[in-house]
Amino acid sequence: MKNYFFLLFFYSALIFSQKTESRKLNKQEIAQKQIENPSGFPIYKAYELKDKNGISNIVLCENQKVISKEDTLNTKIQANFITIENGQSRIKWTINDVLEDYIPKETTIWFWTKYCSFKDLDGDGYIDPVIVYGTRTEYDQVRRVKIITVYKDKKYVIRAVECDLDDCRSFKKDSNWNSLPQKIKTYTDQLVIKLRKEQNLLLKDG
C-alpha cells in the first residue's frame, strides 16, 4: 500500500510538472511587470507562458507608422521571447520583418494573433509558440504570410506569397521542416487549411 501511494504521488507530480499555461497580458499588467521591449516599438500584445522551463514572455511589437481612425499601418514588426531566470530577463530569440518592395506595393505588416498559438503541441511539457503574421497591399489584399513555429528555441518557417498570377505565387516550408514532431506538423498543416478557408487564401505554389 505504501508503494502504491508513492507511485501515485510520483505520477501526480510528473503530470503537474508538465502542465503548461499561457495567457494574454492586459496593458496594466504589461506596465506593472515592466515587460522588456528592446524593439522600441509600441507593444501590440504580450503573453505570459508557464511550462517546464518556468515563466517567460512573448512580446509582439508593431511600429505603428501611420495611425488613423480607419486603420493602423506598420512598416516593421518584432517579436521577442524573453525568459525570466533568477529575477533577470534574457532574450532567447527574436523575429524581425519589414515591408518588402513588391508590385503592388505592400502598405502594412501585422501580427495575425487570431492564428497565433502558445500551447504545448507535442505533449512534452514545453510550449511550442506558433507566430503568424502577414502583409497587405495598397489594394487591401494579403500579399505575404509567414507561419513561424518555434520548437526547442529553433525556428521552422512556412513562407507564402499570394498572387493572381501563377509565376509570382509561392508556398515554401523550411528544409528542416520534417525534423519537427509529427503532432506539431499536423497542427500547422491544419492551421494552413484554416487560413485558406477563413481568409480565402490560396497558400500554394504556382
N, C-alpha and C. Protein backbone atom coordinates (compact mmCIF):
# COMPACT_ATOMS: atom_id res chain seq x y z
N MET A 1 0.83 -1.21 0.00
CA MET A 1 0.00 0.00 0.00
C MET A 1 0.86 1.26 0.00
N LYS A 2 1.98 1.21 0.77
CA LYS A 2 2.88 2.35 0.82
C LYS A 2 3.46 2.63 -0.56
N ASN A 3 3.85 1.57 -1.27
CA ASN A 3 4.40 1.74 -2.61
C ASN A 3 3.36 2.33 -3.56
N TYR A 4 2.12 1.93 -3.38
CA TYR A 4 1.05 2.44 -4.24
C TYR A 4 0.90 3.95 -4.10
N PHE A 5 0.90 4.44 -2.84
CA PHE A 5 0.77 5.88 -2.62
C PHE A 5 1.99 6.64 -3.12
N PHE A 6 3.16 6.00 -3.02
CA PHE A 6 4.38 6.64 -3.52
C PHE A 6 4.30 6.81 -5.04
N LEU A 7 3.86 5.75 -5.73
CA LEU A 7 3.75 5.83 -7.19
C LEU A 7 2.69 6.84 -7.60
N LEU A 8 1.57 6.87 -6.86
CA LEU A 8 0.50 7.81 -7.16
C LEU A 8 1.02 9.24 -7.02
N PHE A 9 1.78 9.49 -5.95
CA PHE A 9 2.35 10.83 -5.73
C PHE A 9 3.34 11.18 -6.84
N PHE A 10 4.16 10.18 -7.23
CA PHE A 10 5.18 10.42 -8.27
C PHE A 10 4.54 10.80 -9.60
N TYR A 11 3.54 10.03 -10.02
CA TYR A 11 2.90 10.31 -11.30
C TYR A 11 2.08 11.60 -11.25
N SER A 12 1.47 11.90 -10.09
CA SER A 12 0.74 13.16 -9.96
C SER A 12 1.69 14.33 -10.07
N ALA A 13 2.85 14.22 -9.44
CA ALA A 13 3.85 15.29 -9.51
C ALA A 13 4.37 15.45 -10.93
N LEU A 14 4.53 14.30 -11.63
CA LEU A 14 5.02 14.35 -13.00
C LEU A 14 4.03 15.06 -13.91
N ILE A 15 2.74 14.73 -13.77
CA ILE A 15 1.71 15.36 -14.58
C ILE A 15 1.65 16.86 -14.29
N PHE A 16 1.72 17.21 -13.00
CA PHE A 16 1.66 18.62 -12.63
C PHE A 16 2.85 19.39 -13.20
N SER A 17 4.03 18.75 -13.15
CA SER A 17 5.23 19.44 -13.61
C SER A 17 5.19 19.69 -15.12
N GLN A 18 4.38 18.92 -15.85
CA GLN A 18 4.31 19.07 -17.28
C GLN A 18 3.14 19.96 -17.73
N LYS A 19 2.39 20.49 -16.76
CA LYS A 19 1.26 21.35 -17.09
C LYS A 19 1.78 22.66 -17.65
N THR A 20 1.19 23.10 -18.75
CA THR A 20 1.60 24.36 -19.37
C THR A 20 0.42 25.33 -19.39
N GLU A 21 0.74 26.60 -19.31
CA GLU A 21 -0.29 27.64 -19.34
C GLU A 21 0.22 28.82 -20.15
N SER A 22 -0.71 29.53 -20.77
CA SER A 22 -0.37 30.78 -21.42
C SER A 22 -1.57 31.71 -21.33
N ARG A 23 -1.29 32.99 -21.22
CA ARG A 23 -2.38 33.97 -21.15
C ARG A 23 -1.91 35.30 -21.69
N LYS A 24 -2.86 36.06 -22.25
CA LYS A 24 -2.55 37.39 -22.76
C LYS A 24 -2.55 38.37 -21.60
N LEU A 25 -1.55 39.23 -21.56
CA LEU A 25 -1.46 40.25 -20.53
C LEU A 25 -2.19 41.51 -21.00
N ASN A 26 -2.89 42.16 -20.07
CA ASN A 26 -3.53 43.42 -20.43
C ASN A 26 -2.53 44.57 -20.28
N LYS A 27 -2.92 45.76 -20.69
CA LYS A 27 -2.00 46.90 -20.69
C LYS A 27 -1.49 47.22 -19.29
N GLN A 28 -2.37 47.09 -18.31
CA GLN A 28 -1.97 47.39 -16.93
C GLN A 28 -0.93 46.39 -16.44
N GLU A 29 -1.12 45.10 -16.77
CA GLU A 29 -0.15 44.08 -16.36
C GLU A 29 1.20 44.29 -17.05
N ILE A 30 1.16 44.68 -18.33
CA ILE A 30 2.41 44.94 -19.07
C ILE A 30 3.18 46.06 -18.38
N ALA A 31 2.47 47.11 -17.97
CA ALA A 31 3.12 48.24 -17.30
C ALA A 31 3.63 47.84 -15.92
N GLN A 32 2.84 47.08 -15.17
CA GLN A 32 3.23 46.67 -13.82
C GLN A 32 4.44 45.75 -13.84
N LYS A 33 4.46 44.82 -14.80
CA LYS A 33 5.55 43.85 -14.87
C LYS A 33 6.79 44.44 -15.54
N GLN A 34 6.64 45.65 -16.09
CA GLN A 34 7.75 46.31 -16.79
C GLN A 34 8.36 45.35 -17.83
N ILE A 35 7.48 44.82 -18.69
CA ILE A 35 7.91 43.89 -19.73
C ILE A 35 8.98 44.53 -20.62
N GLU A 36 10.08 43.83 -20.78
CA GLU A 36 11.17 44.36 -21.60
C GLU A 36 10.73 44.46 -23.05
N ASN A 37 11.13 45.56 -23.70
CA ASN A 37 10.76 45.79 -25.09
C ASN A 37 11.94 46.41 -25.83
N PRO A 38 12.88 45.58 -26.32
CA PRO A 38 14.06 46.11 -26.99
C PRO A 38 13.77 46.71 -28.37
N SER A 39 12.59 46.46 -28.92
CA SER A 39 12.29 46.96 -30.28
C SER A 39 12.16 48.47 -30.33
N GLY A 40 11.68 49.05 -29.23
CA GLY A 40 11.39 50.48 -29.24
C GLY A 40 10.04 50.80 -29.87
N PHE A 41 9.35 49.78 -30.41
CA PHE A 41 8.03 49.96 -30.99
C PHE A 41 6.98 49.81 -29.89
N PRO A 42 5.77 50.32 -30.12
CA PRO A 42 4.68 50.04 -29.18
C PRO A 42 4.41 48.54 -29.08
N ILE A 43 4.12 48.10 -27.87
CA ILE A 43 3.76 46.69 -27.67
C ILE A 43 2.33 46.48 -28.15
N TYR A 44 2.18 45.61 -29.13
CA TYR A 44 0.85 45.29 -29.65
C TYR A 44 0.14 44.33 -28.70
N LYS A 45 0.81 43.22 -28.39
CA LYS A 45 0.29 42.27 -27.42
C LYS A 45 1.45 41.56 -26.73
N ALA A 46 1.21 41.12 -25.50
CA ALA A 46 2.22 40.37 -24.75
C ALA A 46 1.55 39.20 -24.05
N TYR A 47 2.28 38.11 -23.93
CA TYR A 47 1.75 36.88 -23.36
C TYR A 47 2.71 36.36 -22.29
N GLU A 48 2.13 35.80 -21.25
CA GLU A 48 2.91 35.13 -20.21
C GLU A 48 2.77 33.62 -20.39
N LEU A 49 3.89 32.92 -20.43
CA LEU A 49 3.91 31.48 -20.65
C LEU A 49 4.49 30.78 -19.43
N LYS A 50 3.93 29.65 -19.07
CA LYS A 50 4.45 28.84 -17.98
C LYS A 50 4.58 27.39 -18.46
N ASP A 51 5.77 26.84 -18.36
CA ASP A 51 5.99 25.43 -18.69
C ASP A 51 7.16 24.90 -17.87
N LYS A 52 7.75 23.79 -18.28
CA LYS A 52 8.83 23.18 -17.51
C LYS A 52 10.07 24.06 -17.42
N ASN A 53 10.17 25.03 -18.30
CA ASN A 53 11.29 25.97 -18.24
C ASN A 53 11.06 27.10 -17.26
N GLY A 54 9.83 27.22 -16.73
CA GLY A 54 9.50 28.31 -15.83
C GLY A 54 8.59 29.32 -16.50
N ILE A 55 8.78 30.59 -16.13
CA ILE A 55 7.93 31.66 -16.65
C ILE A 55 8.70 32.43 -17.73
N SER A 56 7.99 32.75 -18.80
CA SER A 56 8.58 33.54 -19.89
C SER A 56 7.52 34.44 -20.49
N ASN A 57 7.96 35.37 -21.32
CA ASN A 57 7.04 36.28 -22.01
C ASN A 57 7.31 36.29 -23.50
N ILE A 58 6.26 36.41 -24.28
CA ILE A 58 6.38 36.70 -25.70
C ILE A 58 5.78 38.08 -25.93
N VAL A 59 6.56 38.96 -26.53
CA VAL A 59 6.15 40.34 -26.73
C VAL A 59 6.10 40.61 -28.24
N LEU A 60 4.93 41.01 -28.72
CA LEU A 60 4.72 41.32 -30.14
C LEU A 60 4.64 42.83 -30.30
N CYS A 61 5.52 43.38 -31.11
CA CYS A 61 5.59 44.83 -31.27
C CYS A 61 5.43 45.23 -32.74
N GLU A 62 4.67 46.29 -32.96
CA GLU A 62 4.46 46.86 -34.30
C GLU A 62 4.77 48.35 -34.23
N ASN A 63 5.43 48.88 -35.25
CA ASN A 63 5.90 50.26 -35.11
C ASN A 63 4.84 51.33 -35.35
N GLN A 64 3.64 50.95 -35.82
CA GLN A 64 2.51 51.88 -35.95
C GLN A 64 2.95 53.19 -36.63
N LYS A 65 3.40 53.03 -37.85
CA LYS A 65 3.93 54.18 -38.60
C LYS A 65 2.85 55.20 -38.92
N VAL A 66 1.67 54.72 -39.27
CA VAL A 66 0.54 55.61 -39.58
C VAL A 66 -0.66 55.18 -38.75
N ILE A 67 -1.19 56.08 -37.96
CA ILE A 67 -2.35 55.77 -37.12
C ILE A 67 -3.51 56.67 -37.54
N SER A 68 -4.62 56.04 -37.88
CA SER A 68 -5.80 56.80 -38.28
C SER A 68 -7.03 56.17 -37.64
N LYS A 69 -8.17 56.80 -37.83
CA LYS A 69 -9.41 56.24 -37.29
C LYS A 69 -9.76 54.93 -37.98
N GLU A 70 -9.40 54.82 -39.26
CA GLU A 70 -9.76 53.64 -40.04
C GLU A 70 -8.83 52.45 -39.76
N ASP A 71 -7.53 52.74 -39.64
CA ASP A 71 -6.58 51.63 -39.56
C ASP A 71 -5.25 52.12 -39.01
N THR A 72 -4.43 51.15 -38.60
CA THR A 72 -3.05 51.43 -38.20
C THR A 72 -2.13 50.70 -39.16
N LEU A 73 -1.21 51.43 -39.76
CA LEU A 73 -0.30 50.83 -40.73
C LEU A 73 1.09 50.70 -40.11
N ASN A 74 1.71 49.55 -40.32
CA ASN A 74 3.03 49.27 -39.76
C ASN A 74 4.01 48.99 -40.90
N THR A 75 5.23 49.45 -40.72
CA THR A 75 6.29 49.13 -41.69
C THR A 75 7.27 48.10 -41.14
N LYS A 76 7.24 47.91 -39.79
CA LYS A 76 8.17 46.96 -39.16
C LYS A 76 7.46 46.25 -38.01
N ILE A 77 7.85 45.00 -37.77
CA ILE A 77 7.36 44.26 -36.60
C ILE A 77 8.54 43.55 -35.94
N GLN A 78 8.36 43.26 -34.66
CA GLN A 78 9.37 42.46 -33.94
C GLN A 78 8.68 41.66 -32.85
N ALA A 79 9.08 40.38 -32.73
CA ALA A 79 8.62 39.53 -31.63
C ALA A 79 9.83 39.11 -30.82
N ASN A 80 9.70 39.13 -29.50
CA ASN A 80 10.79 38.71 -28.63
C ASN A 80 10.29 37.68 -27.63
N PHE A 81 11.09 36.62 -27.45
CA PHE A 81 10.81 35.61 -26.44
C PHE A 81 11.78 35.87 -25.29
N ILE A 82 11.22 36.22 -24.14
CA ILE A 82 12.03 36.66 -23.01
C ILE A 82 11.83 35.71 -21.84
N THR A 83 12.91 35.08 -21.40
CA THR A 83 12.84 34.20 -20.24
C THR A 83 13.18 34.99 -18.98
N ILE A 84 12.68 34.50 -17.86
CA ILE A 84 12.95 35.13 -16.57
C ILE A 84 13.70 34.11 -15.72
N GLU A 85 14.97 34.36 -15.48
CA GLU A 85 15.83 33.42 -14.75
C GLU A 85 16.50 34.16 -13.60
N ASN A 86 16.24 33.67 -12.37
CA ASN A 86 16.81 34.29 -11.16
C ASN A 86 16.51 35.79 -11.09
N GLY A 87 15.28 36.11 -11.47
CA GLY A 87 14.87 37.50 -11.42
C GLY A 87 15.39 38.37 -12.55
N GLN A 88 16.17 37.80 -13.45
CA GLN A 88 16.73 38.54 -14.57
C GLN A 88 16.08 38.08 -15.88
N SER A 89 15.82 39.04 -16.78
CA SER A 89 15.22 38.69 -18.07
C SER A 89 16.31 38.51 -19.11
N ARG A 90 16.06 37.60 -20.03
CA ARG A 90 17.03 37.32 -21.10
C ARG A 90 16.27 37.01 -22.38
N ILE A 91 16.66 37.65 -23.47
CA ILE A 91 16.02 37.40 -24.76
C ILE A 91 16.63 36.15 -25.39
N LYS A 92 15.79 35.14 -25.63
CA LYS A 92 16.29 33.87 -26.19
C LYS A 92 16.18 33.83 -27.71
N TRP A 93 15.14 34.45 -28.26
CA TRP A 93 15.04 34.55 -29.72
C TRP A 93 14.17 35.73 -30.11
N THR A 94 14.38 36.17 -31.35
CA THR A 94 13.70 37.35 -31.87
C THR A 94 13.24 37.08 -33.30
N ILE A 95 12.12 37.66 -33.67
CA ILE A 95 11.63 37.63 -35.05
C ILE A 95 11.50 39.07 -35.52
N ASN A 96 12.10 39.38 -36.66
CA ASN A 96 12.01 40.72 -37.25
C ASN A 96 11.51 40.60 -38.69
N ASP A 97 10.72 41.58 -39.12
CA ASP A 97 10.36 41.65 -40.54
C ASP A 97 9.94 43.08 -40.86
N VAL A 98 10.01 43.40 -42.16
CA VAL A 98 9.67 44.74 -42.65
C VAL A 98 8.89 44.60 -43.95
N LEU A 99 8.31 45.70 -44.40
CA LEU A 99 7.67 45.72 -45.71
C LEU A 99 8.70 45.46 -46.80
N GLU A 100 8.29 44.73 -47.83
CA GLU A 100 9.18 44.44 -48.94
C GLU A 100 8.73 45.18 -50.20
N ASP A 101 9.66 45.31 -51.14
CA ASP A 101 9.42 46.08 -52.36
C ASP A 101 8.74 45.21 -53.41
N TYR A 102 7.41 45.14 -53.31
CA TYR A 102 6.62 44.35 -54.25
C TYR A 102 5.77 45.27 -55.11
N ILE A 103 5.28 44.73 -56.20
CA ILE A 103 4.24 45.39 -57.00
C ILE A 103 3.07 44.41 -57.08
N PRO A 104 1.87 44.76 -56.53
CA PRO A 104 1.54 46.04 -55.93
C PRO A 104 2.26 46.26 -54.59
N LYS A 105 2.33 47.50 -54.20
CA LYS A 105 3.09 47.93 -53.04
C LYS A 105 2.49 47.40 -51.74
N GLU A 106 3.36 46.87 -50.86
CA GLU A 106 2.92 46.50 -49.51
C GLU A 106 2.78 47.77 -48.68
N THR A 107 1.68 47.86 -47.95
CA THR A 107 1.44 49.07 -47.16
C THR A 107 1.42 48.82 -45.65
N THR A 108 1.25 47.57 -45.22
CA THR A 108 1.26 47.29 -43.79
C THR A 108 1.67 45.85 -43.53
N ILE A 109 2.27 45.64 -42.36
CA ILE A 109 2.64 44.30 -41.90
C ILE A 109 2.15 44.20 -40.46
N TRP A 110 1.54 43.06 -40.12
CA TRP A 110 0.92 42.96 -38.78
C TRP A 110 0.92 41.51 -38.30
N PHE A 111 0.90 41.37 -36.96
CA PHE A 111 0.79 40.06 -36.34
C PHE A 111 -0.66 39.60 -36.42
N TRP A 112 -0.86 38.40 -36.95
CA TRP A 112 -2.20 37.83 -37.09
C TRP A 112 -2.47 36.99 -35.84
N THR A 113 -2.73 37.68 -34.73
CA THR A 113 -2.81 36.98 -33.43
C THR A 113 -3.98 36.01 -33.35
N LYS A 114 -4.97 36.21 -34.19
CA LYS A 114 -6.09 35.26 -34.23
C LYS A 114 -5.60 33.85 -34.53
N TYR A 115 -4.49 33.74 -35.26
CA TYR A 115 -3.97 32.44 -35.65
C TYR A 115 -2.68 32.06 -34.93
N CYS A 116 -2.19 32.93 -34.06
CA CYS A 116 -1.03 32.57 -33.24
C CYS A 116 -1.47 31.62 -32.13
N SER A 117 -0.55 30.80 -31.65
CA SER A 117 -0.88 29.93 -30.52
C SER A 117 0.34 29.75 -29.64
N PHE A 118 0.07 29.54 -28.36
CA PHE A 118 1.14 29.35 -27.37
C PHE A 118 0.73 28.16 -26.51
N LYS A 119 0.91 26.98 -27.09
CA LYS A 119 0.49 25.73 -26.45
C LYS A 119 1.61 24.70 -26.54
N ASP A 120 1.50 23.69 -25.70
CA ASP A 120 2.38 22.52 -25.80
C ASP A 120 1.76 21.59 -26.83
N LEU A 121 2.28 21.63 -28.05
CA LEU A 121 1.64 20.91 -29.16
C LEU A 121 1.99 19.43 -29.20
N ASP A 122 3.14 19.05 -28.65
CA ASP A 122 3.55 17.65 -28.72
C ASP A 122 3.54 16.94 -27.37
N GLY A 123 3.07 17.62 -26.32
CA GLY A 123 2.89 16.98 -25.02
C GLY A 123 4.16 16.71 -24.25
N ASP A 124 5.23 17.46 -24.51
CA ASP A 124 6.49 17.22 -23.79
C ASP A 124 6.69 18.15 -22.61
N GLY A 125 5.69 18.99 -22.30
CA GLY A 125 5.79 19.87 -21.16
C GLY A 125 6.37 21.24 -21.47
N TYR A 126 6.69 21.49 -22.74
CA TYR A 126 7.23 22.77 -23.16
C TYR A 126 6.31 23.40 -24.20
N ILE A 127 6.08 24.70 -24.08
CA ILE A 127 5.22 25.41 -25.03
C ILE A 127 5.94 25.58 -26.36
N ASP A 128 5.21 25.35 -27.45
CA ASP A 128 5.73 25.46 -28.81
C ASP A 128 5.02 26.63 -29.49
N PRO A 129 5.59 27.84 -29.41
CA PRO A 129 4.91 29.01 -29.99
C PRO A 129 4.76 28.89 -31.50
N VAL A 130 3.60 29.30 -31.98
CA VAL A 130 3.35 29.43 -33.42
C VAL A 130 2.93 30.87 -33.65
N ILE A 131 3.75 31.61 -34.40
CA ILE A 131 3.50 33.03 -34.63
C ILE A 131 3.20 33.23 -36.11
N VAL A 132 2.07 33.89 -36.36
CA VAL A 132 1.62 34.12 -37.73
C VAL A 132 1.55 35.63 -37.97
N TYR A 133 2.08 36.07 -39.10
CA TYR A 133 1.91 37.47 -39.48
C TYR A 133 1.79 37.58 -40.99
N GLY A 134 1.31 38.73 -41.43
CA GLY A 134 1.08 38.91 -42.86
C GLY A 134 1.30 40.35 -43.29
N THR A 135 1.25 40.55 -44.59
CA THR A 135 1.31 41.91 -45.16
C THR A 135 0.11 42.11 -46.08
N ARG A 136 -0.26 43.37 -46.24
CA ARG A 136 -1.33 43.73 -47.17
C ARG A 136 -0.82 44.76 -48.17
N THR A 137 -1.44 44.77 -49.33
CA THR A 137 -1.05 45.71 -50.38
C THR A 137 -1.90 46.96 -50.33
N GLU A 138 -1.57 47.89 -51.20
CA GLU A 138 -2.34 49.13 -51.30
C GLU A 138 -3.78 48.88 -51.74
N TYR A 139 -4.05 47.68 -52.25
CA TYR A 139 -5.42 47.32 -52.65
C TYR A 139 -6.11 46.48 -51.58
N ASP A 140 -5.52 46.47 -50.37
CA ASP A 140 -6.07 45.76 -49.21
C ASP A 140 -6.17 44.26 -49.44
N GLN A 141 -5.20 43.72 -50.18
CA GLN A 141 -5.13 42.28 -50.41
C GLN A 141 -3.93 41.71 -49.64
N VAL A 142 -4.10 40.51 -49.08
CA VAL A 142 -2.99 39.86 -48.40
C VAL A 142 -1.91 39.52 -49.42
N ARG A 143 -0.68 39.89 -49.12
CA ARG A 143 0.44 39.62 -50.04
C ARG A 143 1.33 38.49 -49.53
N ARG A 144 1.89 38.66 -48.33
CA ARG A 144 2.75 37.63 -47.76
C ARG A 144 2.15 37.10 -46.46
N VAL A 145 2.39 35.82 -46.22
CA VAL A 145 2.00 35.20 -44.95
C VAL A 145 3.19 34.38 -44.46
N LYS A 146 3.53 34.52 -43.18
CA LYS A 146 4.56 33.68 -42.57
C LYS A 146 4.00 33.00 -41.34
N ILE A 147 4.29 31.72 -41.24
CA ILE A 147 3.93 30.94 -40.07
C ILE A 147 5.24 30.43 -39.48
N ILE A 148 5.58 30.91 -38.29
CA ILE A 148 6.85 30.54 -37.67
C ILE A 148 6.57 29.71 -36.43
N THR A 149 7.00 28.47 -36.45
CA THR A 149 6.88 27.57 -35.31
C THR A 149 8.23 27.51 -34.62
N VAL A 150 8.23 27.68 -33.31
CA VAL A 150 9.48 27.62 -32.55
C VAL A 150 9.45 26.37 -31.68
N TYR A 151 10.40 25.47 -31.96
CA TYR A 151 10.49 24.21 -31.24
C TYR A 151 11.90 24.08 -30.67
N LYS A 152 11.99 24.00 -29.34
CA LYS A 152 13.28 23.95 -28.65
C LYS A 152 14.18 25.10 -29.09
N ASP A 153 13.59 26.29 -29.13
CA ASP A 153 14.28 27.54 -29.45
C ASP A 153 14.80 27.61 -30.88
N LYS A 154 14.34 26.73 -31.74
CA LYS A 154 14.73 26.76 -33.15
C LYS A 154 13.50 27.07 -34.00
N LYS A 155 13.67 27.91 -35.03
CA LYS A 155 12.55 28.36 -35.85
C LYS A 155 12.36 27.48 -37.08
N TYR A 156 11.10 27.19 -37.36
CA TYR A 156 10.71 26.43 -38.54
C TYR A 156 9.65 27.27 -39.26
N VAL A 157 9.94 27.68 -40.48
CA VAL A 157 9.14 28.72 -41.11
C VAL A 157 8.43 28.23 -42.38
N ILE A 158 7.16 28.63 -42.50
CA ILE A 158 6.41 28.50 -43.75
C ILE A 158 6.30 29.91 -44.33
N ARG A 159 6.71 30.07 -45.58
CA ARG A 159 6.67 31.37 -46.26
C ARG A 159 5.75 31.27 -47.47
N ALA A 160 4.78 32.15 -47.53
CA ALA A 160 3.84 32.13 -48.66
C ALA A 160 3.70 33.53 -49.24
N VAL A 161 3.59 33.58 -50.57
CA VAL A 161 3.31 34.83 -51.28
C VAL A 161 2.04 34.60 -52.10
N GLU A 162 1.05 35.45 -51.88
CA GLU A 162 -0.20 35.38 -52.62
C GLU A 162 -0.10 36.25 -53.88
N CYS A 163 -0.61 35.75 -54.98
CA CYS A 163 -0.55 36.49 -56.23
C CYS A 163 -1.59 35.92 -57.19
N ASP A 164 -2.17 36.78 -58.02
CA ASP A 164 -3.16 36.31 -59.00
C ASP A 164 -2.50 35.49 -60.11
N LEU A 165 -1.23 35.74 -60.36
CA LEU A 165 -0.50 35.03 -61.41
C LEU A 165 0.28 33.86 -60.83
N ASP A 166 0.31 32.74 -61.57
CA ASP A 166 0.96 31.53 -61.07
C ASP A 166 2.44 31.72 -60.79
N ASP A 167 3.13 32.47 -61.66
CA ASP A 167 4.58 32.55 -61.54
C ASP A 167 5.06 33.44 -60.39
N CYS A 168 4.17 34.21 -59.78
CA CYS A 168 4.59 35.04 -58.65
C CYS A 168 3.98 34.56 -57.33
N ARG A 169 3.33 33.42 -57.36
CA ARG A 169 2.74 32.84 -56.16
C ARG A 169 3.66 31.73 -55.64
N SER A 170 3.83 31.66 -54.31
CA SER A 170 4.73 30.62 -53.77
C SER A 170 4.27 30.17 -52.39
N PHE A 171 4.70 28.98 -52.03
CA PHE A 171 4.43 28.40 -50.71
C PHE A 171 5.58 27.46 -50.38
N LYS A 172 6.41 27.83 -49.40
CA LYS A 172 7.62 27.07 -49.10
C LYS A 172 7.72 26.77 -47.61
N LYS A 173 8.15 25.56 -47.30
CA LYS A 173 8.50 25.20 -45.93
C LYS A 173 10.02 25.10 -45.82
N ASP A 174 10.56 25.48 -44.68
CA ASP A 174 12.00 25.38 -44.47
C ASP A 174 12.48 23.95 -44.70
N SER A 175 13.74 23.82 -45.09
CA SER A 175 14.32 22.50 -45.37
C SER A 175 14.35 21.60 -44.14
N ASN A 176 14.33 22.20 -42.95
CA ASN A 176 14.37 21.40 -41.72
C ASN A 176 12.98 21.04 -41.21
N TRP A 177 11.96 21.33 -42.00
CA TRP A 177 10.57 21.16 -41.54
C TRP A 177 10.26 19.74 -41.08
N ASN A 178 10.73 18.75 -41.81
CA ASN A 178 10.38 17.36 -41.49
C ASN A 178 11.01 16.85 -40.20
N SER A 179 11.92 17.62 -39.61
CA SER A 179 12.51 17.20 -38.34
C SER A 179 11.61 17.56 -37.14
N LEU A 180 10.53 18.31 -37.40
CA LEU A 180 9.57 18.62 -36.34
C LEU A 180 8.80 17.36 -35.93
N PRO A 181 8.36 17.27 -34.67
CA PRO A 181 7.48 16.17 -34.26
C PRO A 181 6.21 16.16 -35.10
N GLN A 182 5.68 14.99 -35.34
CA GLN A 182 4.51 14.85 -36.21
C GLN A 182 3.31 15.65 -35.69
N LYS A 183 3.10 15.69 -34.38
CA LYS A 183 1.96 16.42 -33.84
C LYS A 183 2.03 17.91 -34.17
N ILE A 184 3.24 18.46 -34.18
CA ILE A 184 3.40 19.87 -34.50
C ILE A 184 3.18 20.10 -35.99
N LYS A 185 3.69 19.21 -36.83
CA LYS A 185 3.47 19.33 -38.27
C LYS A 185 1.98 19.23 -38.59
N THR A 186 1.29 18.32 -37.94
CA THR A 186 -0.15 18.17 -38.16
C THR A 186 -0.89 19.44 -37.77
N TYR A 187 -0.51 20.03 -36.64
CA TYR A 187 -1.17 21.26 -36.18
C TYR A 187 -0.98 22.38 -37.20
N THR A 188 0.23 22.56 -37.69
CA THR A 188 0.48 23.65 -38.63
C THR A 188 -0.18 23.39 -39.98
N ASP A 189 -0.23 22.14 -40.41
CA ASP A 189 -0.94 21.82 -41.66
C ASP A 189 -2.42 22.16 -41.54
N GLN A 190 -3.01 21.88 -40.39
CA GLN A 190 -4.41 22.22 -40.16
C GLN A 190 -4.61 23.74 -40.08
N LEU A 191 -3.60 24.43 -39.55
CA LEU A 191 -3.66 25.89 -39.49
C LEU A 191 -3.64 26.49 -40.90
N VAL A 192 -2.84 25.93 -41.79
CA VAL A 192 -2.81 26.39 -43.18
C VAL A 192 -4.18 26.21 -43.82
N ILE A 193 -4.80 25.06 -43.59
CA ILE A 193 -6.14 24.80 -44.14
C ILE A 193 -7.14 25.82 -43.59
N LYS A 194 -7.03 26.13 -42.31
CA LYS A 194 -7.92 27.10 -41.68
C LYS A 194 -7.75 28.49 -42.28
N LEU A 195 -6.51 28.89 -42.52
CA LEU A 195 -6.24 30.19 -43.14
C LEU A 195 -6.82 30.26 -44.54
N ARG A 196 -6.64 29.18 -45.30
CA ARG A 196 -7.21 29.15 -46.65
C ARG A 196 -8.72 29.35 -46.62
N LYS A 197 -9.36 28.63 -45.71
CA LYS A 197 -10.83 28.66 -45.66
C LYS A 197 -11.35 29.99 -45.14
N GLU A 198 -10.80 30.47 -44.03
CA GLU A 198 -11.35 31.65 -43.37
C GLU A 198 -10.93 32.96 -44.04
N GLN A 199 -9.76 32.98 -44.68
CA GLN A 199 -9.27 34.22 -45.27
C GLN A 199 -9.26 34.19 -46.80
N ASN A 200 -9.79 33.11 -47.35
CA ASN A 200 -9.88 32.99 -48.82
C ASN A 200 -8.51 33.14 -49.48
N LEU A 201 -7.51 32.45 -48.91
CA LEU A 201 -6.15 32.48 -49.44
C LEU A 201 -5.85 31.20 -50.19
N LEU A 202 -4.92 31.28 -51.13
CA LEU A 202 -4.52 30.09 -51.90
C LEU A 202 -3.44 29.30 -51.16
N LEU A 203 -2.41 29.99 -50.66
CA LEU A 203 -1.32 29.36 -49.92
C LEU A 203 -0.82 28.10 -50.64
N LYS A 204 -0.32 28.31 -51.85
CA LYS A 204 0.20 27.19 -52.61
C LYS A 204 1.24 27.70 -53.63
N ASP A 205 1.99 26.76 -54.17
CA ASP A 205 2.93 27.09 -55.24
C ASP A 205 2.21 27.16 -56.58
N GLY A 206 2.53 28.16 -57.38
CA GLY A 206 2.03 28.23 -58.75
C GLY A 206 0.52 28.27 -58.90
